N, C-alpha and C. Protein backbone atom coordinates (compact mmCIF):
# COMPACT_ATOMS: atom_id res chain seq x y z
N MET A 1 251.01 35.05 -95.61
CA MET A 1 251.52 33.87 -96.25
C MET A 1 253.00 33.60 -95.75
N THR A 2 253.77 34.59 -95.68
CA THR A 2 255.18 34.37 -95.26
C THR A 2 255.25 33.95 -93.78
N LEU A 3 254.34 34.45 -92.95
CA LEU A 3 254.30 34.03 -91.55
C LEU A 3 253.91 32.60 -91.42
N SER A 4 252.92 32.15 -92.19
CA SER A 4 252.51 30.75 -92.13
C SER A 4 253.60 29.83 -92.64
N ILE A 5 254.37 30.20 -93.66
CA ILE A 5 255.45 29.36 -94.13
C ILE A 5 256.55 29.31 -93.11
N THR A 6 256.82 30.44 -92.44
CA THR A 6 257.83 30.46 -91.41
C THR A 6 257.43 29.57 -90.24
N ILE A 7 256.22 29.59 -89.83
CA ILE A 7 255.71 28.73 -88.79
C ILE A 7 255.83 27.30 -89.20
N GLY A 8 255.51 26.99 -90.40
CA GLY A 8 255.62 25.59 -90.88
C GLY A 8 257.02 25.10 -90.92
N VAL A 9 257.99 25.94 -91.35
CA VAL A 9 259.35 25.54 -91.42
C VAL A 9 259.88 25.33 -89.95
N LEU A 10 259.50 26.22 -89.00
CA LEU A 10 259.97 26.05 -87.64
C LEU A 10 259.40 24.79 -87.01
N VAL A 11 258.14 24.42 -87.28
CA VAL A 11 257.54 23.21 -86.71
C VAL A 11 258.18 22.00 -87.35
N THR A 12 258.40 22.03 -88.65
CA THR A 12 259.08 20.93 -89.31
C THR A 12 260.47 20.70 -88.73
N GLY A 13 261.24 21.77 -88.60
CA GLY A 13 262.61 21.60 -88.04
C GLY A 13 262.56 21.11 -86.58
N ALA A 14 261.53 21.58 -85.83
CA ALA A 14 261.41 21.14 -84.48
C ALA A 14 261.10 19.64 -84.37
N VAL A 15 260.19 19.19 -85.21
CA VAL A 15 259.82 17.79 -85.18
C VAL A 15 261.05 16.92 -85.58
N PHE A 16 261.79 17.39 -86.63
CA PHE A 16 262.96 16.63 -87.08
C PHE A 16 263.97 16.55 -85.97
N LEU A 17 264.22 17.67 -85.22
CA LEU A 17 265.27 17.67 -84.21
C LEU A 17 264.78 16.86 -82.96
N MET A 18 263.47 16.88 -82.68
CA MET A 18 262.99 16.16 -81.49
C MET A 18 263.04 14.63 -81.76
N LEU A 19 263.05 14.26 -83.00
CA LEU A 19 263.15 12.80 -83.35
C LEU A 19 264.59 12.28 -83.32
N GLN A 20 265.57 13.12 -83.13
CA GLN A 20 266.96 12.73 -83.07
C GLN A 20 267.29 12.08 -81.73
N ARG A 21 268.51 11.59 -81.65
CA ARG A 21 268.82 10.77 -80.44
C ARG A 21 269.47 11.65 -79.31
N GLY A 22 270.19 12.67 -79.71
CA GLY A 22 270.92 13.48 -78.74
C GLY A 22 270.04 14.41 -77.96
N MET A 23 270.32 14.61 -76.67
CA MET A 23 269.54 15.46 -75.85
C MET A 23 269.61 16.92 -76.17
N VAL A 24 270.79 17.37 -76.71
CA VAL A 24 270.90 18.77 -77.08
C VAL A 24 270.12 19.00 -78.36
N ARG A 25 270.04 18.03 -79.26
CA ARG A 25 269.25 18.24 -80.45
C ARG A 25 267.72 18.30 -80.09
N ILE A 26 267.32 17.49 -79.13
CA ILE A 26 265.92 17.55 -78.65
C ILE A 26 265.65 18.90 -78.02
N THR A 27 266.61 19.40 -77.29
CA THR A 27 266.44 20.70 -76.68
C THR A 27 266.29 21.85 -77.71
N PHE A 28 267.12 21.73 -78.74
CA PHE A 28 267.02 22.70 -79.89
C PHE A 28 265.66 22.57 -80.61
N GLY A 29 265.17 21.36 -80.67
CA GLY A 29 263.81 21.14 -81.24
C GLY A 29 262.73 21.83 -80.38
N PHE A 30 262.87 21.72 -79.11
CA PHE A 30 261.86 22.40 -78.26
C PHE A 30 262.00 23.89 -78.32
N ILE A 31 263.20 24.43 -78.54
CA ILE A 31 263.42 25.81 -78.69
C ILE A 31 262.70 26.30 -79.99
N LEU A 32 262.92 25.55 -81.10
CA LEU A 32 262.20 25.89 -82.34
C LEU A 32 260.72 25.82 -82.25
N LEU A 33 260.19 24.82 -81.48
CA LEU A 33 258.77 24.67 -81.33
C LEU A 33 258.22 25.88 -80.46
N GLY A 34 259.03 26.32 -79.51
CA GLY A 34 258.62 27.49 -78.67
C GLY A 34 258.52 28.73 -79.58
N HIS A 35 259.48 28.92 -80.45
CA HIS A 35 259.46 30.07 -81.36
C HIS A 35 258.26 29.99 -82.30
N ALA A 36 257.93 28.79 -82.79
CA ALA A 36 256.74 28.65 -83.67
C ALA A 36 255.47 28.97 -82.88
N ALA A 37 255.38 28.50 -81.61
CA ALA A 37 254.23 28.82 -80.79
C ALA A 37 254.07 30.32 -80.54
N ASN A 38 255.24 30.96 -80.33
CA ASN A 38 255.17 32.44 -80.12
C ASN A 38 254.65 33.15 -81.42
N LEU A 39 255.08 32.71 -82.53
CA LEU A 39 254.59 33.32 -83.78
C LEU A 39 253.06 33.08 -84.01
N VAL A 40 252.67 31.90 -83.61
CA VAL A 40 251.22 31.57 -83.73
C VAL A 40 250.43 32.48 -82.82
N LEU A 41 250.89 32.60 -81.57
CA LEU A 41 250.19 33.50 -80.60
C LEU A 41 250.19 34.93 -81.06
N MET A 42 251.28 35.41 -81.60
CA MET A 42 251.33 36.83 -82.02
C MET A 42 250.44 37.04 -83.25
N SER A 43 250.40 36.07 -84.16
CA SER A 43 249.55 36.20 -85.36
C SER A 43 248.08 36.15 -85.03
N SER A 44 247.72 35.54 -83.88
CA SER A 44 246.35 35.45 -83.52
C SER A 44 245.83 36.73 -82.96
N GLY A 45 246.71 37.64 -82.54
CA GLY A 45 246.25 38.92 -82.05
C GLY A 45 245.91 39.92 -83.07
N GLY A 46 246.36 39.79 -84.31
CA GLY A 46 246.03 40.65 -85.39
C GLY A 46 246.55 42.06 -85.12
N THR A 47 247.82 42.15 -84.65
CA THR A 47 248.34 43.46 -84.29
C THR A 47 248.68 44.35 -85.53
N TYR A 48 248.76 43.73 -86.71
CA TYR A 48 249.05 44.53 -87.89
C TYR A 48 247.81 45.34 -88.35
N LEU A 49 246.62 45.00 -87.86
CA LEU A 49 245.42 45.68 -88.28
C LEU A 49 245.11 46.91 -87.38
N ARG A 50 245.74 46.97 -86.23
CA ARG A 50 245.32 47.98 -85.27
C ARG A 50 246.55 48.78 -84.79
N ALA A 51 246.32 49.77 -83.95
CA ALA A 51 247.35 50.57 -83.41
C ALA A 51 247.91 49.94 -82.13
N GLN A 52 248.89 50.62 -81.50
CA GLN A 52 249.50 50.10 -80.35
C GLN A 52 248.48 50.00 -79.18
N PRO A 53 248.69 49.04 -78.30
CA PRO A 53 247.65 48.82 -77.20
C PRO A 53 247.79 49.73 -76.04
N LEU A 54 248.25 50.93 -76.17
CA LEU A 54 248.35 51.88 -75.12
C LEU A 54 247.20 52.89 -75.18
N LEU A 55 246.37 52.87 -74.16
CA LEU A 55 245.15 53.69 -74.24
C LEU A 55 245.44 55.19 -74.17
N GLY A 56 246.62 55.58 -73.64
CA GLY A 56 246.93 57.00 -73.58
C GLY A 56 247.23 57.55 -74.92
N TYR A 57 247.67 56.73 -75.92
CA TYR A 57 248.06 57.20 -77.23
C TYR A 57 247.04 57.02 -78.28
N THR A 58 246.15 55.96 -78.15
CA THR A 58 245.16 55.70 -79.15
C THR A 58 243.77 55.54 -78.49
N ASN A 59 242.73 55.54 -79.25
CA ASN A 59 241.43 55.28 -78.79
C ASN A 59 241.21 53.82 -78.46
N ALA A 60 240.28 53.53 -77.61
CA ALA A 60 240.06 52.09 -77.19
C ALA A 60 239.55 51.26 -78.35
N GLU A 61 238.83 51.89 -79.29
CA GLU A 61 238.38 51.14 -80.45
C GLU A 61 239.48 50.73 -81.42
N ASP A 62 240.48 51.58 -81.50
CA ASP A 62 241.53 51.35 -82.41
C ASP A 62 242.74 50.59 -81.86
N ALA A 63 242.75 50.37 -80.51
CA ALA A 63 243.94 49.72 -79.90
C ALA A 63 243.81 48.21 -80.16
N SER A 64 244.97 47.54 -80.31
CA SER A 64 245.00 46.15 -80.49
C SER A 64 244.83 45.43 -79.13
N ASP A 65 244.57 44.15 -79.15
CA ASP A 65 244.37 43.38 -77.91
C ASP A 65 245.76 43.03 -77.34
N PRO A 66 246.00 43.42 -76.09
CA PRO A 66 247.30 43.15 -75.52
C PRO A 66 247.44 41.70 -74.94
N LEU A 67 246.36 40.97 -74.92
CA LEU A 67 246.36 39.59 -74.33
C LEU A 67 247.32 38.66 -75.09
N PRO A 68 247.34 38.55 -76.44
CA PRO A 68 248.33 37.73 -77.09
C PRO A 68 249.75 38.10 -76.77
N GLN A 69 250.02 39.38 -76.60
CA GLN A 69 251.36 39.78 -76.23
C GLN A 69 251.75 39.35 -74.86
N ALA A 70 250.78 39.34 -73.94
CA ALA A 70 251.10 38.82 -72.62
C ALA A 70 251.27 37.27 -72.67
N PHE A 71 250.54 36.62 -73.53
CA PHE A 71 250.67 35.14 -73.67
C PHE A 71 252.06 34.85 -74.20
N VAL A 72 252.55 35.64 -75.15
CA VAL A 72 253.87 35.44 -75.70
C VAL A 72 254.96 35.66 -74.67
N LEU A 73 254.83 36.65 -73.90
CA LEU A 73 255.80 36.86 -72.82
C LEU A 73 255.83 35.70 -71.85
N THR A 74 254.67 35.19 -71.53
CA THR A 74 254.60 34.05 -70.59
C THR A 74 255.23 32.82 -71.27
N ALA A 75 254.94 32.63 -72.57
CA ALA A 75 255.55 31.52 -73.28
C ALA A 75 257.03 31.57 -73.42
N ILE A 76 257.58 32.77 -73.56
CA ILE A 76 259.02 32.95 -73.61
C ILE A 76 259.67 32.52 -72.31
N VAL A 77 259.07 32.89 -71.21
CA VAL A 77 259.61 32.55 -69.87
C VAL A 77 259.52 31.03 -69.68
N ILE A 78 258.41 30.44 -70.06
CA ILE A 78 258.27 28.98 -69.95
C ILE A 78 259.27 28.25 -70.85
N THR A 79 259.44 28.70 -72.07
CA THR A 79 260.39 28.08 -72.96
C THR A 79 261.81 28.15 -72.46
N PHE A 80 262.16 29.36 -71.91
CA PHE A 80 263.46 29.59 -71.33
C PHE A 80 263.73 28.59 -70.12
N SER A 81 262.73 28.45 -69.30
CA SER A 81 262.99 27.60 -68.12
C SER A 81 263.05 26.09 -68.56
N ILE A 82 262.25 25.67 -69.55
CA ILE A 82 262.33 24.29 -70.04
C ILE A 82 263.70 24.10 -70.68
N THR A 83 264.20 25.09 -71.45
CA THR A 83 265.47 24.96 -72.12
C THR A 83 266.59 24.81 -71.10
N ILE A 84 266.57 25.63 -70.01
CA ILE A 84 267.63 25.50 -69.03
C ILE A 84 267.55 24.11 -68.37
N TYR A 85 266.35 23.69 -68.04
CA TYR A 85 266.20 22.35 -67.40
C TYR A 85 266.75 21.20 -68.33
N MET A 86 266.36 21.30 -69.61
CA MET A 86 266.79 20.22 -70.50
C MET A 86 268.30 20.29 -70.77
N LEU A 87 268.86 21.43 -70.83
CA LEU A 87 270.28 21.54 -71.04
C LEU A 87 271.03 21.07 -69.79
N THR A 88 270.49 21.29 -68.63
CA THR A 88 271.05 20.77 -67.40
C THR A 88 271.03 19.16 -67.44
N LEU A 89 269.89 18.66 -67.88
CA LEU A 89 269.80 17.18 -68.00
C LEU A 89 270.80 16.68 -69.01
N ALA A 90 270.99 17.38 -70.13
CA ALA A 90 271.95 16.99 -71.11
C ALA A 90 273.38 17.04 -70.62
N ALA A 91 273.69 18.04 -69.79
CA ALA A 91 275.04 18.14 -69.27
C ALA A 91 275.40 17.13 -68.17
N THR A 92 274.39 16.84 -67.38
CA THR A 92 274.67 15.91 -66.24
C THR A 92 274.36 14.42 -66.54
N GLY A 93 273.64 14.17 -67.64
CA GLY A 93 273.26 12.83 -68.01
C GLY A 93 274.39 12.08 -68.57
N ARG A 94 274.21 10.75 -68.57
CA ARG A 94 275.23 9.90 -69.18
C ARG A 94 274.91 9.74 -70.63
N ASP A 95 275.75 8.99 -71.32
CA ASP A 95 275.58 8.82 -72.76
C ASP A 95 274.34 8.01 -73.01
N ASP A 96 273.50 8.45 -73.90
CA ASP A 96 272.21 7.77 -74.15
C ASP A 96 272.27 6.79 -75.32
N ASP A 97 273.43 6.30 -75.60
CA ASP A 97 273.62 5.32 -76.71
C ASP A 97 273.17 3.92 -76.26
N THR A 98 272.06 3.46 -76.80
CA THR A 98 271.55 2.14 -76.43
C THR A 98 271.84 1.09 -77.47
N GLU A 99 272.69 1.47 -78.47
CA GLU A 99 273.11 0.45 -79.43
C GLU A 99 274.12 -0.54 -78.85
N ASP A 100 275.03 -0.05 -77.99
CA ASP A 100 275.99 -0.95 -77.31
C ASP A 100 275.35 -1.62 -76.14
N VAL A 101 275.37 -2.95 -76.18
CA VAL A 101 274.72 -3.70 -75.00
C VAL A 101 275.84 -4.44 -74.26
N SER A 102 277.07 -4.02 -74.41
CA SER A 102 278.12 -4.74 -73.73
C SER A 102 278.33 -4.28 -72.34
């Protein structure tokens, strides 16, 4: 229950930040969305029900599935690269204020 509420709060904050006008706020929204996606992927693995996924320490029947953990590691790398790219765009971009038409 706590995990689902945490994911919901992260997604809500991400949507709120991505609807803002500043590029840095949009980037922070994508970071929050990445964290929420990582929590969803980790919760899909059900690691709390099983032992560690190392076959040398546990039986194959008791070991948890290591695939969601690999997906989370991949998602962390992708989120990091998107964050660096968006922060670079925010630093090199001009002011995105479209209210002034002068």
